[in-house]
Amino acid sequence: MKRLLLGSAILVLLFAIAGIAGAHEASAPAAAKQKVRFAGAAKNGQPISFRVVTKGGKSRIKGLAVDVVTECWADLNADGVEDKIVAHITNLNGKVSRSGEVEVYYAPDDDTEYIVEGTLVNRVAKLNVIVGGRFGPDGIPNAGNLECDNWGTRYKAKARG
């Protein structure tokens, strides 16, 4: 009889421990994925937008799109002056450090390089965008033979929603 009671007590204790552990796991927060959309512009009015996706304490820049005024090494309208075009850069991805430092770097070949650096603090991004590469006259990357660059334009974007 003592063995039966002792066995029953052990089973009750094991079920109680299992119940406590299960309740703890159920109450532990899941690593939720957060998405915050940012939008803004440079002082010249050129737009920038992107998402910051955070999961497990790590934040990433996703889908950055930006229009950048670039100087081209060509005279498109034969007026004797090198012309400018607006480059339309899309779908860039990068990272955000825990301290808020933003880093996006894309260089798929020897002629193309896009750099976005800056800070993201209190839902405000202050970014410097550098662009160099070949573009079409409409600003589409790698769609033409115009070699154009921009050595840095500052943008400010705020979280939306």
Foldseek 3Di string as FASTA:
>chain_A
DVVVVVVVVVVVVVVVVVVVVVVVVVPDDAFDKDKWKKKWAFPVRKIWIWIWIDTPRWIKTWWIWTWDWWFWPDDPPPPPDTDIAIAIDTTWMWGADNQFWTWTWDDPDPFWIWIWTFGQPPQKTKIKIWTWHAADRNNYGPPHGITIIDGITIIMIGTDD
